[in-house]
Amino acid sequence: MTQELLSDRDASALMGCGRSTLWRWASEGVIPKPLKIGGTSRWKRADIEAVIAKAEAAREAA
């Protein structure tokens, strides 16, 4: 099973935020912390999409 991994640039573009915001959210626990692979940080696309889906569901429930 192959999972697509995103750089901070790609993950922040998917989230619609800046890279510094993405890192702050990771440190605050708003989004999962990235995986460390070969000295780089990568997020699983599925994890980022799950955060987006949860936010959309919360917005619709309000």
PDB file of N, CA and C in Angstrom:
ATOM      1  N   MET A   1       0.848  -1.177   0.000  1.00  0.00           N
ATOM      2  CA  MET A   1       0.000   0.000   0.000  1.00  0.00           C
ATOM      3  C   MET A   1       0.895   1.244   0.000  1.00  0.00           C
ATOM      4  N   THR A   2       0.671   2.107  -0.950  1.00  0.00           N
ATOM      5  CA  THR A   2       1.452   3.330  -1.055  1.00  0.00           C
ATOM      6  C   THR A   2       0.593   4.516  -0.643  1.00  0.00           C
ATOM      7  N   GLN A   3       1.138   5.331   0.237  1.00  0.00           N
ATOM      8  CA  GLN A   3       0.429   6.530   0.672  1.00  0.00           C
ATOM      9  C   GLN A   3       1.161   7.745   0.123  1.00  0.00           C
ATOM     10  N   GLU A   4       0.401   8.687  -0.408  1.00  0.00           N
ATOM     11  CA  GLU A   4       1.024   9.900  -0.916  1.00  0.00           C
ATOM     12  C   GLU A   4       1.468  10.767   0.259  1.00  0.00           C
ATOM     13  N   LEU A   5       2.706  11.224   0.186  1.00  0.00           N
ATOM     14  CA  LEU A   5       3.260  12.087   1.219  1.00  0.00           C
ATOM     15  C   LEU A   5       3.431  13.489   0.661  1.00  0.00           C
ATOM     16  N   LEU A   6       3.159  14.485   1.489  1.00  0.00           N
ATOM     17  CA  LEU A   6       3.185  15.881   1.068  1.00  0.00           C
ATOM     18  C   LEU A   6       4.256  16.658   1.819  1.00  0.00           C
ATOM     19  N   SER A   7       4.925  17.546   1.119  1.00  0.00           N
ATOM     20  CA  SER A   7       5.846  18.479   1.763  1.00  0.00           C
ATOM     21  C   SER A   7       5.034  19.530   2.503  1.00  0.00           C
ATOM     22  N   ASP A   8       5.707  20.352   3.288  1.00  0.00           N
ATOM     23  CA  ASP A   8       4.979  21.417   3.982  1.00  0.00           C
ATOM     24  C   ASP A   8       4.358  22.388   2.986  1.00  0.00           C
ATOM     25  N   ARG A   9       5.016  22.600   1.881  1.00  0.00           N
ATOM     26  CA  ARG A   9       4.476  23.488   0.839  1.00  0.00           C
ATOM     27  C   ARG A   9       3.182  22.913   0.260  1.00  0.00           C
ATOM     28  N   ASP A  10       3.206  21.619  -0.069  1.00  0.00           N
ATOM     29  CA  ASP A  10       2.022  20.981  -0.654  1.00  0.00           C
ATOM     30  C   ASP A  10       0.891  20.836   0.363  1.00  0.00           C
ATOM     31  N   ALA A  11       1.241  20.469   1.595  1.00  0.00           N
ATOM     32  CA  ALA A  11       0.219  20.309   2.635  1.00  0.00           C
ATOM     33  C   ALA A  11      -0.444  21.644   2.958  1.00  0.00           C
ATOM     34  N   SER A  12       0.341  22.713   3.024  1.00  0.00           N
ATOM     35  CA  SER A  12      -0.245  24.022   3.322  1.00  0.00           C
ATOM     36  C   SER A  12      -1.122  24.500   2.167  1.00  0.00           C
ATOM     37  N   ALA A  13      -0.730  24.190   0.927  1.00  0.00           N
ATOM     38  CA  ALA A  13      -1.566  24.554  -0.223  1.00  0.00           C
ATOM     39  C   ALA A  13      -2.899  23.807  -0.162  1.00  0.00           C
ATOM     40  N   LEU A  14      -2.859  22.540   0.205  1.00  0.00           N
ATOM     41  CA  LEU A  14      -4.081  21.743   0.322  1.00  0.00           C
ATOM     42  C   LEU A  14      -4.983  22.278   1.433  1.00  0.00           C
ATOM     43  N   MET A  15      -4.369  22.737   2.521  1.00  0.00           N
ATOM     44  CA  MET A  15      -5.121  23.282   3.657  1.00  0.00           C
ATOM     45  C   MET A  15      -5.569  24.723   3.407  1.00  0.00           C
ATOM     46  N   GLY A  16      -4.952  25.389   2.449  1.00  0.00           N
ATOM     47  CA  GLY A  16      -5.298  26.787   2.182  1.00  0.00           C
ATOM     48  C   GLY A  16      -4.731  27.735   3.219  1.00  0.00           C
ATOM     49  N   CYS A  17      -3.533  27.410   3.705  1.00  0.00           N
ATOM     50  CA  CYS A  17      -2.895  28.257   4.716  1.00  0.00           C
ATOM     51  C   CYS A  17      -1.419  28.414   4.368  1.00  0.00           C
ATOM     52  N   GLY A  18      -0.732  29.235   5.111  1.00  0.00           N
ATOM     53  CA  GLY A  18       0.696  29.411   4.920  1.00  0.00           C
ATOM     54  C   GLY A  18       1.483  28.295   5.588  1.00  0.00           C
ATOM     55  N   ARG A  19       2.742  28.167   5.197  1.00  0.00           N
ATOM     56  CA  ARG A  19       3.585  27.124   5.775  1.00  0.00           C
ATOM     57  C   ARG A  19       3.796  27.332   7.271  1.00  0.00           C
ATOM     58  N   SER A  20       3.960  28.574   7.703  1.00  0.00           N
ATOM     59  CA  SER A  20       4.161  28.815   9.139  1.00  0.00           C
ATOM     60  C   SER A  20       2.914  28.435   9.937  1.00  0.00           C
ATOM     61  N   THR A  21       1.743  28.666   9.361  1.00  0.00           N
ATOM     62  CA  THR A  21       0.495  28.268  10.022  1.00  0.00           C
ATOM     63  C   THR A  21       0.412  26.751  10.119  1.00  0.00           C
ATOM     64  N   LEU A  22       0.784  26.059   9.054  1.00  0.00           N
ATOM     65  CA  LEU A  22       0.781  24.597   9.057  1.00  0.00           C
ATOM     66  C   LEU A  22       1.664  24.062  10.182  1.00  0.00           C
ATOM     67  N   TRP A  23       2.867  24.609  10.310  1.00  0.00           N
ATOM     68  CA  TRP A  23       3.785  24.162  11.362  1.00  0.00           C
ATOM     69  C   TRP A  23       3.238  24.500  12.750  1.00  0.00           C
ATOM     70  N   ARG A  24       2.622  25.659  12.893  1.00  0.00           N
ATOM     71  CA  ARG A  24       2.044  26.027  14.190  1.00  0.00           C
ATOM     72  C   ARG A  24       0.918  25.065  14.554  1.00  0.00           C
ATOM     73  N   TRP A  25       0.043  24.771  13.587  1.00  0.00           N
ATOM     74  CA  TRP A  25      -1.049  23.836  13.839  1.00  0.00           C
ATOM     75  C   TRP A  25      -0.514  22.457  14.228  1.00  0.00           C
ATOM     76  N   ALA A  26       0.577  22.023  13.601  1.00  0.00           N
ATOM     77  CA  ALA A  26       1.172  20.729  13.950  1.00  0.00           C
ATOM     78  C   ALA A  26       1.688  20.753  15.386  1.00  0.00           C
ATOM     79  N   SER A  27       2.322  21.846  15.782  1.00  0.00           N
ATOM     80  CA  SER A  27       2.853  21.930  17.153  1.00  0.00           C
ATOM     81  C   SER A  27       1.736  22.053  18.183  1.00  0.00           C
ATOM     82  N   GLU A  28       0.591  22.628  17.783  1.00  0.00           N
ATOM     83  CA  GLU A  28      -0.555  22.784  18.688  1.00  0.00           C
ATOM     84  C   GLU A  28      -1.471  21.557  18.692  1.00  0.00           C
ATOM     85  N   GLY A  29      -1.221  20.592  17.809  1.00  0.00           N
ATOM     86  CA  GLY A  29      -2.047  19.394  17.754  1.00  0.00           C
ATOM     87  C   GLY A  29      -3.306  19.530  16.916  1.00  0.00           C
ATOM     88  N   VAL A  30      -3.426  20.626  16.178  1.00  0.00           N
ATOM     89  CA  VAL A  30      -4.595  20.821  15.305  1.00  0.00           C
ATOM     90  C   VAL A  30      -4.553  19.823  14.149  1.00  0.00           C
ATOM     91  N   ILE A  31      -3.364  19.572  13.636  1.00  0.00           N
ATOM     92  CA  ILE A  31      -3.141  18.566  12.600  1.00  0.00           C
ATOM     93  C   ILE A  31      -2.076  17.601  13.115  1.00  0.00           C
ATOM     94  N   PRO A  32      -2.000  16.399  12.538  1.00  0.00           N
ATOM     95  CA  PRO A  32      -0.962  15.460  12.973  1.00  0.00           C
ATOM     96  C   PRO A  32       0.436  16.010  12.693  1.00  0.00           C
ATOM     97  N   LYS A  33       1.383  15.613  13.521  1.00  0.00           N
ATOM     98  CA  LYS A  33       2.775  15.988  13.285  1.00  0.00           C
ATOM     99  C   LYS A  33       3.269  15.244  12.047  1.00  0.00           C
ATOM    100  N   PRO A  34       4.223  15.823  11.332  1.00  0.00           N
ATOM    101  CA  PRO A  34       4.716  15.169  10.116  1.00  0.00           C
ATOM    102  C   PRO A  34       5.590  13.964  10.430  1.00  0.00           C
ATOM    103  N   LEU A  35       5.742  13.115   9.434  1.00  0.00           N
ATOM    104  CA  LEU A  35       6.699  12.015   9.497  1.00  0.00           C
ATOM    105  C   LEU A  35       8.068  12.579   9.147  1.00  0.00           C
ATOM    106  N   LYS A  36       9.104  12.101   9.784  1.00  0.00           N
ATOM    107  CA  LYS A  36      10.469  12.515   9.456  1.00  0.00           C
ATOM    108  C   LYS A  36      11.081  11.413   8.602  1.00  0.00           C
ATOM    109  N   ILE A  37      11.417  11.750   7.371  1.00  0.00           N
ATOM    110  CA  ILE A  37      11.974  10.775   6.438  1.00  0.00           C
ATOM    111  C   ILE A  37      13.223  11.370   5.801  1.00  0.00           C
ATOM    112  N   GLY A  38      14.361  10.781   6.094  1.00  0.00           N
ATOM    113  CA  GLY A  38      15.608  11.233   5.480  1.00  0.00           C
ATOM    114  C   GLY A  38      15.900  12.698   5.700  1.00  0.00           C
ATOM    115  N   GLY A  39      15.604  13.204   6.870  1.00  0.00           N
ATOM    116  CA  GLY A  39      15.885  14.606   7.163  1.00  0.00           C
ATOM    117  C   GLY A  39      14.831  15.574   6.657  1.00  0.00           C
ATOM    118  N   THR A  40      13.752  15.052   6.082  1.00  0.00           N
ATOM    119  CA  THR A  40      12.669  15.921   5.621  1.00  0.00           C
ATOM    120  C   THR A  40      11.388  15.576   6.371  1.00  0.00           C
ATOM    121  N   SER A  41      10.468  16.486   6.369  1.00  0.00           N
ATOM    122  CA  SER A  41       9.175  16.290   7.028  1.00  0.00           C
ATOM    123  C   SER A  41       8.105  16.119   5.964  1.00  0.00           C
ATOM    124  N   ARG A  42       7.279  15.104   6.141  1.00  0.00           N
ATOM    125  CA  ARG A  42       6.207  14.830   5.186  1.00  0.00           C
ATOM    126  C   ARG A  42       4.929  14.485   5.940  1.00  0.00           C
ATOM    127  N   TRP A  43       3.820  14.973   5.409  1.00  0.00           N
ATOM    128  CA  TRP A  43       2.500  14.650   5.948  1.00  0.00           C
ATOM    129  C   TRP A  43       1.829  13.655   5.024  1.00  0.00           C
ATOM    130  N   LYS A  44       1.049  12.742   5.600  1.00  0.00           N
ATOM    131  CA  LYS A  44       0.240  11.835   4.793  1.00  0.00           C
ATOM    132  C   LYS A  44      -0.938  12.634   4.239  1.00  0.00           C
ATOM    133  N   ARG A  45      -1.156  12.510   2.935  1.00  0.00           N
ATOM    134  CA  ARG A  45      -2.280  13.215   2.308  1.00  0.00           C
ATOM    135  C   ARG A  45      -3.591  12.829   2.991  1.00  0.00           C
ATOM    136  N   ALA A  46      -3.757  11.554   3.316  1.00  0.00           N
ATOM    137  CA  ALA A  46      -4.995  11.091   3.953  1.00  0.00           C
ATOM    138  C   ALA A  46      -5.224  11.790   5.289  1.00  0.00           C
ATOM    139  N   ASP A  47      -4.160  12.046   6.054  1.00  0.00           N
ATOM    140  CA  ASP A  47      -4.300  12.738   7.340  1.00  0.00           C
ATOM    141  C   ASP A  47      -4.768  14.177   7.144  1.00  0.00           C
ATOM    142  N   ILE A  48      -4.193  14.855   6.159  1.00  0.00           N
ATOM    143  CA  ILE A  48      -4.572  16.252   5.894  1.00  0.00           C
ATOM    144  C   ILE A  48      -6.014  16.310   5.389  1.00  0.00           C
ATOM    145  N   GLU A  49      -6.372  15.393   4.493  1.00  0.00           N
ATOM    146  CA  GLU A  49      -7.745  15.370   3.978  1.00  0.00           C
ATOM    147  C   GLU A  49      -8.748  15.060   5.087  1.00  0.00           C
ATOM    148  N   ALA A  50      -8.360  14.226   6.060  1.00  0.00           N
ATOM    149  CA  ALA A  50      -9.248  13.916   7.188  1.00  0.00           C
ATOM    150  C   ALA A  50      -9.486  15.152   8.050  1.00  0.00           C
ATOM    151  N   VAL A  51      -8.457  15.963   8.249  1.00  0.00           N
ATOM    152  CA  VAL A  51      -8.606  17.207   9.016  1.00  0.00           C
ATOM    153  C   VAL A  51      -9.566  18.149   8.295  1.00  0.00           C
ATOM    154  N   ILE A  52      -9.419  18.246   6.982  1.00  0.00           N
ATOM    155  CA  ILE A  52     -10.296  19.106   6.186  1.00  0.00           C
ATOM    156  C   ILE A  52     -11.741  18.607   6.270  1.00  0.00           C
ATOM    157  N   ALA A  53     -11.940  17.298   6.131  1.00  0.00           N
ATOM    158  CA  ALA A  53     -13.291  16.724   6.195  1.00  0.00           C
ATOM    159  C   ALA A  53     -13.922  16.961   7.563  1.00  0.00           C
ATOM    160  N   LYS A  54     -13.143  16.831   8.618  1.00  0.00           N
ATOM    161  CA  LYS A  54     -13.657  17.060   9.971  1.00  0.00           C
ATOM    162  C   LYS A  54     -14.076  18.518  10.143  1.00  0.00           C
ATOM    163  N   ALA A  55     -13.278  19.446   9.617  1.00  0.00           N
ATOM    164  CA  ALA A  55     -13.610  20.869   9.716  1.00  0.00           C
ATOM    165  C   ALA A  55     -14.880  21.179   8.927  1.00  0.00           C
ATOM    166  N   GLU A  56     -15.019  20.569   7.747  1.00  0.00           N
ATOM    167  CA  GLU A  56     -16.223  20.785   6.943  1.00  0.00           C
ATOM    168  C   GLU A  56     -17.456  20.239   7.652  1.00  0.00           C
ATOM    169  N   ALA A  57     -17.338  19.071   8.273  1.00  0.00           N
ATOM    170  CA  ALA A  57     -18.466  18.476   8.994  1.00  0.00           C
ATOM    171  C   ALA A  57     -18.868  19.345  10.185  1.00  0.00           C
ATOM    172  N   ALA A  58     -17.884  19.884  10.890  1.00  0.00           N
ATOM    173  CA  ALA A  58     -18.172  20.751  12.039  1.00  0.00           C
ATOM    174  C   ALA A  58     -18.864  22.034  11.581  1.00  0.00           C
ATOM    175  N   ARG A  59     -18.433  22.565  10.446  1.00  0.00           N
ATOM    176  CA  ARG A  59     -19.046  23.789   9.916  1.00  0.00           C
ATOM    177  C   ARG A  59     -20.495  23.541   9.523  1.00  0.00           C
ATOM    178  N   GLU A  60     -20.762  22.398   8.891  1.00  0.00           N
ATOM    179  CA  GLU A  60     -22.122  22.079   8.463  1.00  0.00           C
ATOM    180  C   GLU A  60     -23.038  21.792   9.646  1.00  0.00           C
ATOM    181  N   ALA A  61     -22.479  21.272  10.738  1.00  0.00           N
ATOM    182  CA  ALA A  61     -23.276  20.958  11.922  1.00  0.00           C
ATOM    183  C   ALA A  61     -23.632  22.213  12.712  1.00  0.00           C
ATOM    184  N   ALA A  62     -22.870  23.268  12.515  1.00  0.00           N
ATOM    185  CA  ALA A  62     -23.098  24.507  13.284  1.00  0.00           C
ATOM    186  C   ALA A  62     -24.254  25.309  12.731  1.00  0.00           C
TER     187      ALA A  62
END
